[in-house]
Amino acid sequence: MCPVVLTIEHLPALFQVLELNASDDRGIGIVRGQILSFASTRTIFNTGFKLIILDEADAMTNDAQNALRRSKLLL
């Protein structure tokens, strides 16, 4: 039996996806603005889960990392 392989191209069909390159978008304003806004809004037609991908999250500022921790978005 072949395992199911998901790539980043498959994700929009299964989830609502917000992808950020944290080395570019790394400040607390991004966490307070884009990420929290995306996570907290409801959509009429899309159901299912929302997925936030933070590429290079270690490059985020300490304030931004702490804001993410406080937001309880990370499960």
N, C-alpha and C. Protein backbone atom coordinates (compact mmCIF):
# COMPACT_ATOMS: atom_id res chain seq x y z
N MET A 1 0.84 -1.17 0.00
CA MET A 1 0.00 0.00 0.00
C MET A 1 0.89 1.25 0.00
N CYS A 2 0.59 2.21 -0.85
CA CYS A 2 1.37 3.44 -0.93
C CYS A 2 0.89 4.44 0.10
N PRO A 3 1.81 5.07 0.81
CA PRO A 3 1.39 6.11 1.76
C PRO A 3 0.94 7.36 1.00
N VAL A 4 0.06 8.11 1.59
CA VAL A 4 -0.41 9.35 0.99
C VAL A 4 0.63 10.43 1.24
N VAL A 5 1.03 11.10 0.19
CA VAL A 5 2.03 12.15 0.29
C VAL A 5 1.36 13.48 -0.04
N LEU A 6 1.45 14.42 0.89
CA LEU A 6 0.90 15.74 0.66
C LEU A 6 2.04 16.72 0.43
N THR A 7 1.88 17.55 -0.56
CA THR A 7 2.85 18.60 -0.79
C THR A 7 2.17 19.94 -0.56
N ILE A 8 2.93 21.00 -0.56
CA ILE A 8 2.39 22.34 -0.31
C ILE A 8 1.33 22.69 -1.35
N GLU A 9 1.41 22.11 -2.54
CA GLU A 9 0.43 22.39 -3.58
C GLU A 9 -0.93 21.80 -3.25
N HIS A 10 -0.97 20.72 -2.46
CA HIS A 10 -2.23 20.09 -2.08
C HIS A 10 -2.95 20.81 -0.95
N LEU A 11 -2.24 21.59 -0.19
CA LEU A 11 -2.80 22.17 1.03
C LEU A 11 -4.00 23.09 0.80
N PRO A 12 -4.00 23.99 -0.20
CA PRO A 12 -5.16 24.87 -0.35
C PRO A 12 -6.47 24.12 -0.56
N ALA A 13 -6.42 22.93 -1.11
CA ALA A 13 -7.65 22.17 -1.31
C ALA A 13 -8.17 21.61 0.02
N LEU A 14 -7.29 21.41 0.98
CA LEU A 14 -7.67 20.80 2.25
C LEU A 14 -7.82 21.81 3.38
N PHE A 15 -7.07 22.88 3.33
CA PHE A 15 -7.03 23.87 4.39
C PHE A 15 -7.06 25.26 3.80
N GLN A 16 -7.39 26.23 4.63
CA GLN A 16 -7.11 27.62 4.28
C GLN A 16 -5.68 27.85 4.75
N VAL A 17 -4.82 28.34 3.89
CA VAL A 17 -3.40 28.42 4.18
C VAL A 17 -2.90 29.86 4.14
N LEU A 18 -2.14 30.24 5.17
CA LEU A 18 -1.39 31.49 5.19
C LEU A 18 0.07 31.09 5.31
N GLU A 19 0.85 31.43 4.31
CA GLU A 19 2.27 31.08 4.33
C GLU A 19 3.08 32.37 4.39
N LEU A 20 3.96 32.45 5.39
CA LEU A 20 4.81 33.62 5.55
C LEU A 20 6.26 33.18 5.65
N ASN A 21 7.13 33.94 5.05
CA ASN A 21 8.56 33.72 5.23
C ASN A 21 8.98 34.60 6.39
N ALA A 22 9.21 33.98 7.53
CA ALA A 22 9.46 34.73 8.75
C ALA A 22 10.80 35.47 8.73
N SER A 23 11.66 35.17 7.78
CA SER A 23 12.89 35.95 7.70
C SER A 23 12.62 37.32 7.08
N ASP A 24 11.52 37.42 6.30
CA ASP A 24 11.12 38.71 5.73
C ASP A 24 10.06 39.39 6.59
N ASP A 25 9.02 38.63 6.94
CA ASP A 25 7.91 39.15 7.73
C ASP A 25 8.12 38.68 9.16
N ARG A 26 8.93 39.40 9.93
CA ARG A 26 9.39 38.83 11.18
C ARG A 26 9.03 39.61 12.42
N GLY A 27 8.37 40.73 12.27
CA GLY A 27 8.12 41.58 13.43
C GLY A 27 6.81 41.29 14.13
N ILE A 28 6.63 41.94 15.27
CA ILE A 28 5.43 41.75 16.07
C ILE A 28 4.19 42.27 15.34
N GLY A 29 4.37 43.23 14.46
CA GLY A 29 3.25 43.74 13.67
C GLY A 29 2.63 42.68 12.78
N ILE A 30 3.45 41.79 12.24
CA ILE A 30 2.95 40.69 11.41
C ILE A 30 2.12 39.74 12.25
N VAL A 31 2.59 39.44 13.47
CA VAL A 31 1.84 38.55 14.35
C VAL A 31 0.51 39.19 14.73
N ARG A 32 0.55 40.44 15.12
CA ARG A 32 -0.68 41.12 15.54
C ARG A 32 -1.62 41.39 14.38
N GLY A 33 -1.06 41.60 13.21
CA GLY A 33 -1.87 41.94 12.05
C GLY A 33 -2.29 40.72 11.25
N GLN A 34 -1.41 40.26 10.41
CA GLN A 34 -1.76 39.21 9.45
C GLN A 34 -2.13 37.88 10.11
N ILE A 35 -1.31 37.42 11.03
CA ILE A 35 -1.52 36.08 11.59
C ILE A 35 -2.78 36.03 12.44
N LEU A 36 -2.93 36.94 13.39
CA LEU A 36 -4.11 36.91 14.25
C LEU A 36 -5.38 37.21 13.47
N SER A 37 -5.30 38.09 12.49
CA SER A 37 -6.46 38.39 11.66
C SER A 37 -6.88 37.16 10.87
N PHE A 38 -5.93 36.49 10.25
CA PHE A 38 -6.23 35.28 9.48
C PHE A 38 -6.82 34.20 10.38
N ALA A 39 -6.26 34.02 11.54
CA ALA A 39 -6.70 32.95 12.44
C ALA A 39 -8.07 33.23 13.05
N SER A 40 -8.41 34.48 13.24
CA SER A 40 -9.65 34.78 13.96
C SER A 40 -10.85 35.04 13.05
N THR A 41 -10.64 35.24 11.76
CA THR A 41 -11.77 35.51 10.88
C THR A 41 -12.46 34.21 10.47
N ARG A 42 -13.75 34.32 10.29
CA ARG A 42 -14.53 33.19 9.81
C ARG A 42 -14.91 33.45 8.36
N THR A 43 -15.00 32.39 7.61
CA THR A 43 -15.40 32.54 6.21
C THR A 43 -16.73 31.84 5.99
N ILE A 44 -17.47 32.31 5.03
CA ILE A 44 -18.80 31.76 4.78
C ILE A 44 -18.73 30.42 4.05
N PHE A 45 -17.90 30.36 3.02
CA PHE A 45 -17.91 29.19 2.16
C PHE A 45 -16.86 28.15 2.49
N ASN A 46 -15.75 28.55 3.09
CA ASN A 46 -14.69 27.59 3.39
C ASN A 46 -14.91 26.99 4.76
N THR A 47 -14.83 25.68 4.82
CA THR A 47 -14.91 25.00 6.09
C THR A 47 -13.62 24.25 6.32
N GLY A 48 -13.45 23.74 7.49
CA GLY A 48 -12.25 22.98 7.78
C GLY A 48 -11.27 23.79 8.58
N PHE A 49 -10.04 23.40 8.50
CA PHE A 49 -8.99 23.97 9.32
C PHE A 49 -8.23 25.06 8.60
N LYS A 50 -7.64 25.93 9.39
CA LYS A 50 -6.72 26.94 8.86
C LYS A 50 -5.32 26.50 9.23
N LEU A 51 -4.40 26.71 8.33
CA LEU A 51 -3.01 26.31 8.54
C LEU A 51 -2.13 27.52 8.30
N ILE A 52 -1.29 27.84 9.28
CA ILE A 52 -0.33 28.94 9.15
C ILE A 52 1.05 28.34 9.08
N ILE A 53 1.74 28.61 7.99
CA ILE A 53 3.10 28.09 7.79
C ILE A 53 4.06 29.26 7.96
N LEU A 54 4.94 29.13 8.93
CA LEU A 54 5.97 30.14 9.17
C LEU A 54 7.33 29.55 8.79
N ASP A 55 7.75 29.82 7.59
CA ASP A 55 9.06 29.36 7.14
C ASP A 55 10.12 30.21 7.83
N GLU A 56 11.14 29.59 8.35
CA GLU A 56 12.25 30.26 9.04
C GLU A 56 11.75 31.04 10.26
N ALA A 57 10.90 30.42 11.06
CA ALA A 57 10.33 31.08 12.24
C ALA A 57 11.39 31.47 13.27
N ASP A 58 12.54 30.82 13.22
CA ASP A 58 13.61 31.18 14.16
C ASP A 58 14.17 32.56 13.88
N ALA A 59 13.87 33.13 12.71
CA ALA A 59 14.36 34.48 12.39
C ALA A 59 13.42 35.57 12.90
N MET A 60 12.29 35.17 13.47
CA MET A 60 11.35 36.17 14.00
C MET A 60 11.97 36.85 15.22
N THR A 61 11.57 38.08 15.45
CA THR A 61 12.08 38.79 16.62
C THR A 61 11.55 38.13 17.89
N ASN A 62 12.24 38.38 19.01
CA ASN A 62 11.80 37.81 20.28
C ASN A 62 10.40 38.28 20.64
N ASP A 63 10.10 39.55 20.38
CA ASP A 63 8.77 40.07 20.67
C ASP A 63 7.70 39.35 19.85
N ALA A 64 7.99 39.08 18.59
CA ALA A 64 7.03 38.38 17.73
C ALA A 64 6.83 36.94 18.19
N GLN A 65 7.91 36.27 18.57
CA GLN A 65 7.80 34.90 19.07
C GLN A 65 6.99 34.86 20.36
N ASN A 66 7.23 35.82 21.24
CA ASN A 66 6.47 35.86 22.50
C ASN A 66 5.00 36.17 22.24
N ALA A 67 4.71 37.03 21.28
CA ALA A 67 3.32 37.34 20.95
C ALA A 67 2.60 36.11 20.41
N LEU A 68 3.31 35.29 19.63
CA LEU A 68 2.72 34.04 19.14
C LEU A 68 2.41 33.10 20.28
N ARG A 69 3.33 33.00 21.23
CA ARG A 69 3.10 32.14 22.39
C ARG A 69 1.89 32.59 23.19
N ARG A 70 1.76 33.88 23.38
CA ARG A 70 0.64 34.43 24.15
C ARG A 70 -0.68 34.28 23.43
N SER A 71 -0.65 34.22 22.10
CA SER A 71 -1.88 34.17 21.32
C SER A 71 -2.56 32.80 21.36
N LYS A 72 -1.86 31.79 21.81
CA LYS A 72 -2.38 30.42 21.90
C LYS A 72 -2.75 29.84 20.53
N LEU A 73 -2.09 30.34 19.49
CA LEU A 73 -2.32 29.79 18.15
C LEU A 73 -1.57 28.48 17.96
N LEU A 74 -0.47 28.31 18.67
CA LEU A 74 0.34 27.12 18.49
C LEU A 74 -0.25 26.00 19.33
N LEU A 75 -0.61 24.93 18.67
CA LEU A 75 -1.20 23.79 19.39
C LEU A 75 -0.30 22.61 19.30
